[in-house]
Amino acid sequence: MKMENAFYVEPEGIASGLALWWSPDVKLTILQYNKNFIDTIISVNGELEWFGTFIYAPPYEEEKQRFWARLANLRSDVNANWCIMGDSNIVASPNDKYGGSPFNHNSAKWYYDFLENTYLIEMQSKGGTYTWSNQRSDKDAICEKLDRVLTSLEWSFIFPRAIAVIEVAIASDHASILLLTIGMEKKVKKDFKFESKWLTEKDCSSLVKEEWVNTHDHPHRGTFRVKLRRTKVKLSKWKKRSLVKID
């Protein structure tokens, strides 16, 4: 990744650890850390400093209240230039969930208390709706939005063009979330849409069949979700090559 600087929080037992990397043009100081967050102060190319907190919130209900309360206590000044990003392990609304058990309002209580106490706002994301899935198909599929970016109003004044982009999940049940503080130089790609007229093309049906039956000798590449994503990529490339013929 061409990152020269790194900081790690070692795992506690079977719990996952944390890792943070940054490039030479970023001045970053670690302020506090534990198994659930790394709190820093950041400046890029000598610009105005801001607080950056990178989180992996606990998934267990009995730990969530303590986590969000401690996070709120990191900043005594509600007008701080503050940005939080990472896995919140919270389904914040019914729209952030597909499949599985019904949305639980009580589960999100500590999260909303945190927002009320800190005046932070969740940044709207581009490129997708959910950031986690159980990688199953049909009636067993569960998708949730767990990863998010939260910012103070003061931080958004520093980076008025900032956006969060949800990227495609690769070799993980989580999609990565990318925070672009200077915005995007080009528009986010449009969602892929299959066109019925493609069915008249022999190459199209052959391509779909080939990708659908091929597991590439990998245990996770035979799942419905992975097959669908791989077929979408192949069809997108095929459409570009055949643009003159099929349009």
C-alpha atoms as a PDB file:
ATOM      1  CA  MET A   1       0.000   0.000   0.000  1.00  0.00           C
ATOM      2  CA  LYS A   2       3.109   2.211   0.005  1.00  0.00           C
ATOM      3  CA  MET A   3       2.444   3.348   3.572  1.00  0.00           C
ATOM      4  CA  GLU A   4       5.600   4.023   5.584  1.00  0.00           C
ATOM      5  CA  ASN A   5       3.974   4.532   8.989  1.00  0.00           C
ATOM      6  CA  ALA A   6       1.907   2.072  11.009  1.00  0.00           C
ATOM      7  CA  PHE A   7       0.319   1.521  14.413  1.00  0.00           C
ATOM      8  CA  TYR A   8      -1.148  -1.723  15.717  1.00  0.00           C
ATOM      9  CA  VAL A   9      -3.370  -2.778  18.595  1.00  0.00           C
ATOM     10  CA  GLU A  10      -2.712  -6.441  19.279  1.00  0.00           C
ATOM     11  CA  PRO A  11      -5.665  -8.850  19.558  1.00  0.00           C
ATOM     12  CA  GLU A  12      -6.975  -9.785  23.001  1.00  0.00           C
ATOM     13  CA  GLY A  13      -7.517 -13.530  22.928  1.00  0.00           C
ATOM     14  CA  ILE A  14      -9.633 -14.355  19.887  1.00  0.00           C
ATOM     15  CA  ALA A  15     -10.789 -10.723  19.491  1.00  0.00           C
ATOM     16  CA  SER A  16      -9.601  -8.971  16.345  1.00  0.00           C
ATOM     17  CA  GLY A  17      -6.864  -6.357  16.650  1.00  0.00           C
ATOM     18  CA  LEU A  18      -6.648  -2.973  14.916  1.00  0.00           C
ATOM     19  CA  ALA A  19      -4.182  -1.654  12.350  1.00  0.00           C
ATOM     20  CA  LEU A  20      -3.665   1.913  11.111  1.00  0.00           C
ATOM     21  CA  TRP A  21      -1.337   2.973   8.284  1.00  0.00           C
ATOM     22  CA  TRP A  22      -0.582   6.471   6.981  1.00  0.00           C
ATOM     23  CA  SER A  23       1.581   8.027   4.276  1.00  0.00           C
ATOM     24  CA  PRO A  24       4.576  10.406   4.783  1.00  0.00           C
ATOM     25  CA  ASP A  25       2.589  13.544   3.905  1.00  0.00           C
ATOM     26  CA  VAL A  26       0.247  12.893   6.860  1.00  0.00           C
ATOM     27  CA  LYS A  27       1.253  14.117  10.302  1.00  0.00           C
ATOM     28  CA  LEU A  28      -0.518  11.797  12.734  1.00  0.00           C
ATOM     29  CA  THR A  29      -0.221  11.504  16.507  1.00  0.00           C
ATOM     30  CA  ILE A  30      -1.792   8.673  18.510  1.00  0.00           C
ATOM     31  CA  LEU A  31      -3.735  10.098  21.465  1.00  0.00           C
ATOM     32  CA  GLN A  32      -5.532   7.077  22.945  1.00  0.00           C
ATOM     33  CA  TYR A  33      -6.303   3.525  21.948  1.00  0.00           C
ATOM     34  CA  ASN A  34      -7.831   0.252  23.111  1.00  0.00           C
ATOM     35  CA  LYS A  35      -9.195  -2.877  21.426  1.00  0.00           C
ATOM     36  CA  ASN A  36     -12.148  -0.908  19.961  1.00  0.00           C
ATOM     37  CA  PHE A  37     -10.672   2.381  18.738  1.00  0.00           C
ATOM     38  CA  ILE A  38      -7.577   4.372  17.823  1.00  0.00           C
ATOM     39  CA  ASP A  39      -7.920   8.093  18.530  1.00  0.00           C
ATOM     40  CA  THR A  40      -5.561  10.445  16.682  1.00  0.00           C
ATOM     41  CA  ILE A  41      -4.900  14.023  15.702  1.00  0.00           C
ATOM     42  CA  ILE A  42      -4.172  14.534  12.011  1.00  0.00           C
ATOM     43  CA  SER A  43      -2.739  17.179   9.703  1.00  0.00           C
ATOM     44  CA  VAL A  44      -2.086  16.741   5.974  1.00  0.00           C
ATOM     45  CA  ASN A  45       0.615  18.845   4.299  1.00  0.00           C
ATOM     46  CA  GLY A  46       0.636  21.290   7.214  1.00  0.00           C
ATOM     47  CA  GLU A  47      -3.083  22.095   6.963  1.00  0.00           C
ATOM     48  CA  LEU A  48      -5.474  22.601   9.894  1.00  0.00           C
ATOM     49  CA  GLU A  49      -5.410  19.780  12.459  1.00  0.00           C
ATOM     50  CA  TRP A  50      -8.422  17.593  13.143  1.00  0.00           C
ATOM     51  CA  PHE A  51      -9.261  14.627  15.341  1.00  0.00           C
ATOM     52  CA  GLY A  52      -9.611  11.263  13.589  1.00  0.00           C
ATOM     53  CA  THR A  53     -10.988   8.278  15.501  1.00  0.00           C
ATOM     54  CA  PHE A  54     -10.969   4.852  13.845  1.00  0.00           C
ATOM     55  CA  ILE A  55     -13.321   2.329  15.409  1.00  0.00           C
ATOM     56  CA  TYR A  56     -14.265  -1.321  15.591  1.00  0.00           C
ATOM     57  CA  ALA A  57     -17.244  -1.240  17.951  1.00  0.00           C
ATOM     58  CA  PRO A  58     -18.057  -4.307  20.076  1.00  0.00           C
ATOM     59  CA  PRO A  59     -20.747  -6.598  18.634  1.00  0.00           C
ATOM     60  CA  TYR A  60     -22.080  -7.602  22.059  1.00  0.00           C
ATOM     61  CA  GLU A  61     -25.037  -5.712  23.547  1.00  0.00           C
ATOM     62  CA  GLU A  62     -23.591  -5.670  27.083  1.00  0.00           C
ATOM     63  CA  GLU A  63     -20.475  -3.825  25.834  1.00  0.00           C
ATOM     64  CA  LYS A  64     -22.088  -1.264  23.508  1.00  0.00           C
ATOM     65  CA  GLN A  65     -23.217   1.245  26.160  1.00  0.00           C
ATOM     66  CA  ARG A  66     -19.720   1.399  27.686  1.00  0.00           C
ATOM     67  CA  PHE A  67     -18.086   1.783  24.253  1.00  0.00           C
ATOM     68  CA  TRP A  68     -20.267   4.664  23.011  1.00  0.00           C
ATOM     69  CA  ALA A  69     -20.061   6.458  26.390  1.00  0.00           C
ATOM     70  CA  ARG A  70     -16.264   6.259  26.377  1.00  0.00           C
ATOM     71  CA  LEU A  71     -16.143   7.458  22.772  1.00  0.00           C
ATOM     72  CA  ALA A  72     -18.266  10.495  23.675  1.00  0.00           C
ATOM     73  CA  ASN A  73     -15.867  11.345  26.502  1.00  0.00           C
ATOM     74  CA  LEU A  74     -12.895  11.569  24.121  1.00  0.00           C
ATOM     75  CA  ARG A  75     -13.863  15.164  23.223  1.00  0.00           C
ATOM     76  CA  SER A  76     -15.013  17.614  25.877  1.00  0.00           C
ATOM     77  CA  ASP A  77     -15.419  20.328  23.206  1.00  0.00           C
ATOM     78  CA  VAL A  78     -18.519  19.684  21.081  1.00  0.00           C
ATOM     79  CA  ASN A  79     -17.155  22.174  18.535  1.00  0.00           C
ATOM     80  CA  ALA A  80     -14.045  20.100  17.830  1.00  0.00           C
ATOM     81  CA  ASN A  81     -12.931  19.251  14.285  1.00  0.00           C
ATOM     82  CA  TRP A  82     -13.785  15.546  14.672  1.00  0.00           C
ATOM     83  CA  CYS A  83     -14.280  12.654  12.275  1.00  0.00           C
ATOM     84  CA  ILE A  84     -15.042   9.039  13.244  1.00  0.00           C
ATOM     85  CA  MET A  85     -15.025   6.162  10.778  1.00  0.00           C
ATOM     86  CA  GLY A  86     -15.124   2.383  10.859  1.00  0.00           C
ATOM     87  CA  ASP A  87     -17.315  -0.520  11.906  1.00  0.00           C
ATOM     88  CA  SER A  88     -20.023   0.756  14.270  1.00  0.00           C
ATOM     89  CA  ASN A  89     -21.601  -2.717  14.656  1.00  0.00           C
ATOM     90  CA  ILE A  90     -24.938  -0.911  14.761  1.00  0.00           C
ATOM     91  CA  VAL A  91     -27.936  -1.239  12.461  1.00  0.00           C
ATOM     92  CA  ALA A  92     -29.251   2.297  12.849  1.00  0.00           C
ATOM     93  CA  SER A  93     -32.578   2.026  10.986  1.00  0.00           C
ATOM     94  CA  PRO A  94     -34.825  -0.503   9.200  1.00  0.00           C
ATOM     95  CA  ASN A  95     -33.406   0.749   5.869  1.00  0.00           C
ATOM     96  CA  ASP A  96     -29.928  -0.367   6.988  1.00  0.00           C
ATOM     97  CA  LYS A  97     -30.948  -4.022   7.088  1.00  0.00           C
ATOM     98  CA  TYR A  98     -32.138  -6.721   4.679  1.00  0.00           C
ATOM     99  CA  GLY A  99     -33.159 -10.215   5.770  1.00  0.00           C
ATOM    100  CA  GLY A 100     -32.669 -11.949   9.094  1.00  0.00           C
ATOM    101  CA  SER A 101     -34.431 -10.941  12.315  1.00  0.00           C
ATOM    102  CA  PRO A 102     -36.534  -7.729  12.406  1.00  0.00           C
ATOM    103  CA  PHE A 103     -34.856  -4.402  13.145  1.00  0.00           C
ATOM    104  CA  ASN A 104     -34.330  -3.874  16.891  1.00  0.00           C
ATOM    105  CA  HIS A 105     -34.805  -0.229  17.970  1.00  0.00           C
ATOM    106  CA  ASN A 106     -33.290  -0.872  21.395  1.00  0.00           C
ATOM    107  CA  SER A 107     -30.039  -2.097  19.849  1.00  0.00           C
ATOM    108  CA  ALA A 108     -29.397   1.363  18.356  1.00  0.00           C
ATOM    109  CA  LYS A 109     -30.198   3.327  21.544  1.00  0.00           C
ATOM    110  CA  TRP A 110     -26.595   3.902  22.653  1.00  0.00           C
ATOM    111  CA  TYR A 111     -25.615   4.989  19.159  1.00  0.00           C
ATOM    112  CA  TYR A 112     -28.321   7.668  19.009  1.00  0.00           C
ATOM    113  CA  ASP A 113     -27.490   8.811  22.535  1.00  0.00           C
ATOM    114  CA  PHE A 114     -23.906   9.250  21.361  1.00  0.00           C
ATOM    115  CA  LEU A 115     -24.963  11.373  18.368  1.00  0.00           C
ATOM    116  CA  GLU A 116     -27.174  13.516  20.588  1.00  0.00           C
ATOM    117  CA  ASN A 117     -24.385  14.114  23.109  1.00  0.00           C
ATOM    118  CA  THR A 118     -21.637  14.880  20.584  1.00  0.00           C
ATOM    119  CA  TYR A 119     -23.661  16.635  17.845  1.00  0.00           C
ATOM    120  CA  LEU A 120     -21.979  14.461  15.218  1.00  0.00           C
ATOM    121  CA  ILE A 121     -23.756  13.687  11.949  1.00  0.00           C
ATOM    122  CA  GLU A 122     -23.539  10.550   9.833  1.00  0.00           C
ATOM    123  CA  MET A 123     -22.119  11.288   6.387  1.00  0.00           C
ATOM    124  CA  GLN A 124     -24.198   9.964   3.508  1.00  0.00           C
ATOM    125  CA  SER A 125     -22.312   7.340   1.509  1.00  0.00           C
ATOM    126  CA  LYS A 126     -22.122   6.649  -2.221  1.00  0.00           C
ATOM    127  CA  GLY A 127     -21.691   3.435  -4.154  1.00  0.00           C
ATOM    128  CA  GLY A 128     -23.813   1.020  -2.118  1.00  0.00           C
ATOM    129  CA  THR A 129     -26.395   0.485   0.616  1.00  0.00           C
ATOM    130  CA  TYR A 130     -24.933  -2.246   2.816  1.00  0.00           C
ATOM    131  CA  THR A 131     -21.400  -2.827   4.078  1.00  0.00           C
ATOM    132  CA  TRP A 132     -21.728  -6.356   5.499  1.00  0.00           C
ATOM    133  CA  SER A 133     -23.388  -9.597   4.401  1.00  0.00           C
ATOM    134  CA  ASN A 134     -23.451 -13.189   5.562  1.00  0.00           C
ATOM    135  CA  GLN A 135     -22.547 -14.176   1.970  1.00  0.00           C
ATOM    136  CA  ARG A 136     -25.560 -16.422   1.604  1.00  0.00           C
ATOM    137  CA  SER A 137     -28.268 -16.347  -1.028  1.00  0.00           C
ATOM    138  CA  ASP A 138     -32.037 -16.371  -1.398  1.00  0.00           C
ATOM    139  CA  LYS A 139     -34.059 -16.504   1.856  1.00  0.00           C
ATOM    140  CA  ASP A 140     -30.927 -16.977   3.979  1.00  0.00           C
ATOM    141  CA  ALA A 141     -29.271 -13.740   2.798  1.00  0.00           C
ATOM    142  CA  ILE A 142     -28.668 -11.015   5.389  1.00  0.00           C
ATOM    143  CA  CYS A 143     -27.187  -7.609   4.506  1.00  0.00           C
ATOM    144  CA  GLU A 144     -26.566  -4.717   6.899  1.00  0.00           C
ATOM    145  CA  LYS A 145     -24.994  -1.283   6.953  1.00  0.00           C
ATOM    146  CA  LEU A 146     -22.524  -1.389   9.837  1.00  0.00           C
ATOM    147  CA  ASP A 147     -19.617   0.753   8.613  1.00  0.00           C
ATOM    148  CA  ARG A 148     -20.083   4.520   8.592  1.00  0.00           C
ATOM    149  CA  VAL A 149     -18.430   7.939   8.799  1.00  0.00           C
ATOM    150  CA  LEU A 150     -19.484  10.470  11.460  1.00  0.00           C
ATOM    151  CA  THR A 151     -18.347  14.100  11.438  1.00  0.00           C
ATOM    152  CA  SER A 152     -18.817  17.307  13.397  1.00  0.00           C
ATOM    153  CA  LEU A 153     -20.186  20.394  11.673  1.00  0.00           C
ATOM    154  CA  GLU A 154     -16.791  22.064  12.164  1.00  0.00           C
ATOM    155  CA  TRP A 155     -15.018  19.194  10.380  1.00  0.00           C
ATOM    156  CA  SER A 156     -17.417  19.469   7.436  1.00  0.00           C
ATOM    157  CA  PHE A 157     -16.546  23.174   7.120  1.00  0.00           C
ATOM    158  CA  ILE A 158     -12.884  22.193   6.662  1.00  0.00           C
ATOM    159  CA  PHE A 159     -13.764  19.537   4.049  1.00  0.00           C
ATOM    160  CA  PRO A 160     -16.992  20.713   2.370  1.00  0.00           C
ATOM    161  CA  ARG A 161     -16.507  18.361  -0.627  1.00  0.00           C
ATOM    162  CA  ALA A 162     -15.801  15.239   1.436  1.00  0.00           C
ATOM    163  CA  ILE A 163     -17.731  12.067   0.586  1.00  0.00           C
ATOM    164  CA  ALA A 164     -17.771   8.474   1.792  1.00  0.00           C
ATOM    165  CA  VAL A 165     -17.738   5.694  -0.805  1.00  0.00           C
ATOM    166  CA  ILE A 166     -18.708   2.079  -0.107  1.00  0.00           C
ATOM    167  CA  GLU A 167     -16.549  -0.187  -2.250  1.00  0.00           C
ATOM    168  CA  VAL A 168     -17.101  -3.769  -3.397  1.00  0.00           C
ATOM    169  CA  ALA A 169     -16.314  -6.424  -0.779  1.00  0.00           C
ATOM    170  CA  ILE A 170     -13.349  -8.567  -1.820  1.00  0.00           C
ATOM    171  CA  ALA A 171     -12.302 -11.672   0.169  1.00  0.00           C
ATOM    172  CA  SER A 172     -14.256 -10.400   3.189  1.00  0.00           C
ATOM    173  CA  ASP A 173     -17.820 -10.221   4.472  1.00  0.00           C
ATOM    174  CA  HIS A 174     -17.295  -6.457   4.910  1.00  0.00           C
ATOM    175  CA  ALA A 175     -17.117  -3.845   2.160  1.00  0.00           C
ATOM    176  CA  SER A 176     -14.452  -1.209   2.685  1.00  0.00           C
ATOM    177  CA  ILE A 177     -15.533   2.388   3.212  1.00  0.00           C
ATOM    178  CA  LEU A 178     -13.389   5.086   1.616  1.00  0.00           C
ATOM    179  CA  LEU A 179     -13.393   8.679   2.912  1.00  0.00           C
ATOM    180  CA  LEU A 180     -12.365  11.207   0.252  1.00  0.00           C
ATOM    181  CA  THR A 181     -11.792  14.549   1.972  1.00  0.00           C
ATOM    182  CA  ILE A 182     -11.401  16.465  -1.312  1.00  0.00           C
ATOM    183  CA  GLY A 183     -14.325  14.795  -3.047  1.00  0.00           C
ATOM    184  CA  MET A 184     -14.147  12.840  -6.275  1.00  0.00           C
ATOM    185  CA  GLU A 185     -12.585  14.017  -9.505  1.00  0.00           C
ATOM    186  CA  LYS A 186     -15.034  11.903 -11.436  1.00  0.00           C
ATOM    187  CA  LYS A 187     -18.577  10.796 -10.777  1.00  0.00           C
ATOM    188  CA  VAL A 188     -19.306   7.571  -8.958  1.00  0.00           C
ATOM    189  CA  LYS A 189     -19.968   4.809 -11.475  1.00  0.00           C
ATOM    190  CA  LYS A 190     -23.597   4.152 -12.245  1.00  0.00           C
ATOM    191  CA  ASP A 191     -25.165   0.982 -10.902  1.00  0.00           C
ATOM    192  CA  PHE A 192     -24.861  -2.005 -13.234  1.00  0.00           C
ATOM    193  CA  LYS A 193     -28.078  -2.837 -15.098  1.00  0.00           C
ATOM    194  CA  PHE A 194     -28.660  -5.917 -17.223  1.00  0.00           C
ATOM    195  CA  GLU A 195     -30.373  -5.076 -20.525  1.00  0.00           C
ATOM    196  CA  SER A 196     -32.880  -7.551 -21.973  1.00  0.00           C
ATOM    197  CA  LYS A 197     -31.599  -6.995 -25.526  1.00  0.00           C
ATOM    198  CA  TRP A 198     -28.326  -8.633 -24.525  1.00  0.00           C
ATOM    199  CA  LEU A 199     -30.177 -11.954 -24.454  1.00  0.00           C
ATOM    200  CA  THR A 200     -30.233 -11.935 -28.250  1.00  0.00           C
ATOM    201  CA  GLU A 201     -26.429 -12.064 -28.274  1.00  0.00           C
ATOM    202  CA  LYS A 202     -24.913 -15.553 -28.196  1.00  0.00           C
ATOM    203  CA  ASP A 203     -21.704 -14.275 -26.573  1.00  0.00           C
ATOM    204  CA  CYS A 204     -23.691 -12.914 -23.625  1.00  0.00           C
ATOM    205  CA  SER A 205     -25.402 -16.185 -22.666  1.00  0.00           C
ATOM    206  CA  SER A 206     -22.144 -18.114 -23.091  1.00  0.00           C
ATOM    207  CA  LEU A 207     -20.309 -15.689 -20.832  1.00  0.00           C
ATOM    208  CA  VAL A 208     -22.941 -15.889 -18.090  1.00  0.00           C
ATOM    209  CA  LYS A 209     -22.996 -19.704 -18.207  1.00  0.00           C
ATOM    210  CA  GLU A 210     -19.197 -19.906 -18.090  1.00  0.00           C
ATOM    211  CA  GLU A 211     -18.892 -17.673 -15.027  1.00  0.00           C
ATOM    212  CA  TRP A 212     -21.846 -19.241 -13.225  1.00  0.00           C
ATOM    213  CA  VAL A 213     -20.523 -22.815 -13.345  1.00  0.00           C
ATOM    214  CA  ASN A 214     -16.887 -21.915 -12.662  1.00  0.00           C
ATOM    215  CA  THR A 215     -15.829 -21.830  -8.993  1.00  0.00           C
ATOM    216  CA  HIS A 216     -12.179 -21.115  -9.874  1.00  0.00           C
ATOM    217  CA  ASP A 217     -11.142 -23.810  -7.374  1.00  0.00           C
ATOM    218  CA  HIS A 218     -11.725 -21.448  -4.444  1.00  0.00           C
ATOM    219  CA  PRO A 219     -14.069 -22.294  -1.530  1.00  0.00           C
ATOM    220  CA  HIS A 220     -15.725 -18.843  -1.443  1.00  0.00           C
ATOM    221  CA  ARG A 221     -15.985 -18.264  -5.181  1.00  0.00           C
ATOM    222  CA  GLY A 222     -18.928 -20.602  -5.639  1.00  0.00           C
ATOM    223  CA  THR A 223     -21.310 -18.524  -3.520  1.00  0.00           C
ATOM    224  CA  PHE A 224     -24.241 -16.752  -5.137  1.00  0.00           C
ATOM    225  CA  ARG A 225     -22.956 -13.304  -4.145  1.00  0.00           C
ATOM    226  CA  VAL A 226     -19.466 -13.843  -5.535  1.00  0.00           C
ATOM    227  CA  LYS A 227     -20.779 -15.396  -8.758  1.00  0.00           C
ATOM    228  CA  LEU A 228     -23.112 -12.444  -9.259  1.00  0.00           C
ATOM    229  CA  ARG A 229     -20.332  -9.886  -8.732  1.00  0.00           C
ATOM    230  CA  ARG A 230     -17.911 -11.765 -11.004  1.00  0.00           C
ATOM    231  CA  THR A 231     -20.522 -12.102 -13.756  1.00  0.00           C
ATOM    232  CA  LYS A 232     -21.320  -8.376 -13.507  1.00  0.00           C
ATOM    233  CA  VAL A 233     -17.652  -7.490 -14.067  1.00  0.00           C
ATOM    234  CA  LYS A 234     -17.427  -9.826 -17.059  1.00  0.00           C
ATOM    235  CA  LEU A 235     -20.616  -8.437 -18.614  1.00  0.00           C
ATOM    236  CA  SER A 236     -19.459  -4.849 -18.114  1.00  0.00           C
ATOM    237  CA  LYS A 237     -16.215  -5.582 -19.979  1.00  0.00           C
ATOM    238  CA  TRP A 238     -18.111  -7.484 -22.677  1.00  0.00           C
ATOM    239  CA  LYS A 239     -20.508  -4.557 -23.173  1.00  0.00           C
ATOM    240  CA  LYS A 240     -17.615  -2.142 -23.726  1.00  0.00           C
ATOM    241  CA  ARG A 241     -16.015  -4.464 -26.308  1.00  0.00           C
ATOM    242  CA  SER A 242     -19.338  -4.997 -28.088  1.00  0.00           C
ATOM    243  CA  LEU A 243     -20.686  -1.454 -27.742  1.00  0.00           C
ATOM    244  CA  VAL A 244     -21.006  -0.721 -31.467  1.00  0.00           C
ATOM    245  CA  LYS A 245     -22.645  -4.066 -32.226  1.00  0.00           C
ATOM    246  CA  ILE A 246     -25.257  -4.265 -29.461  1.00  0.00           C
ATOM    247  CA  ASP A 247     -26.274  -0.593 -28.995  1.00  0.00           C
END
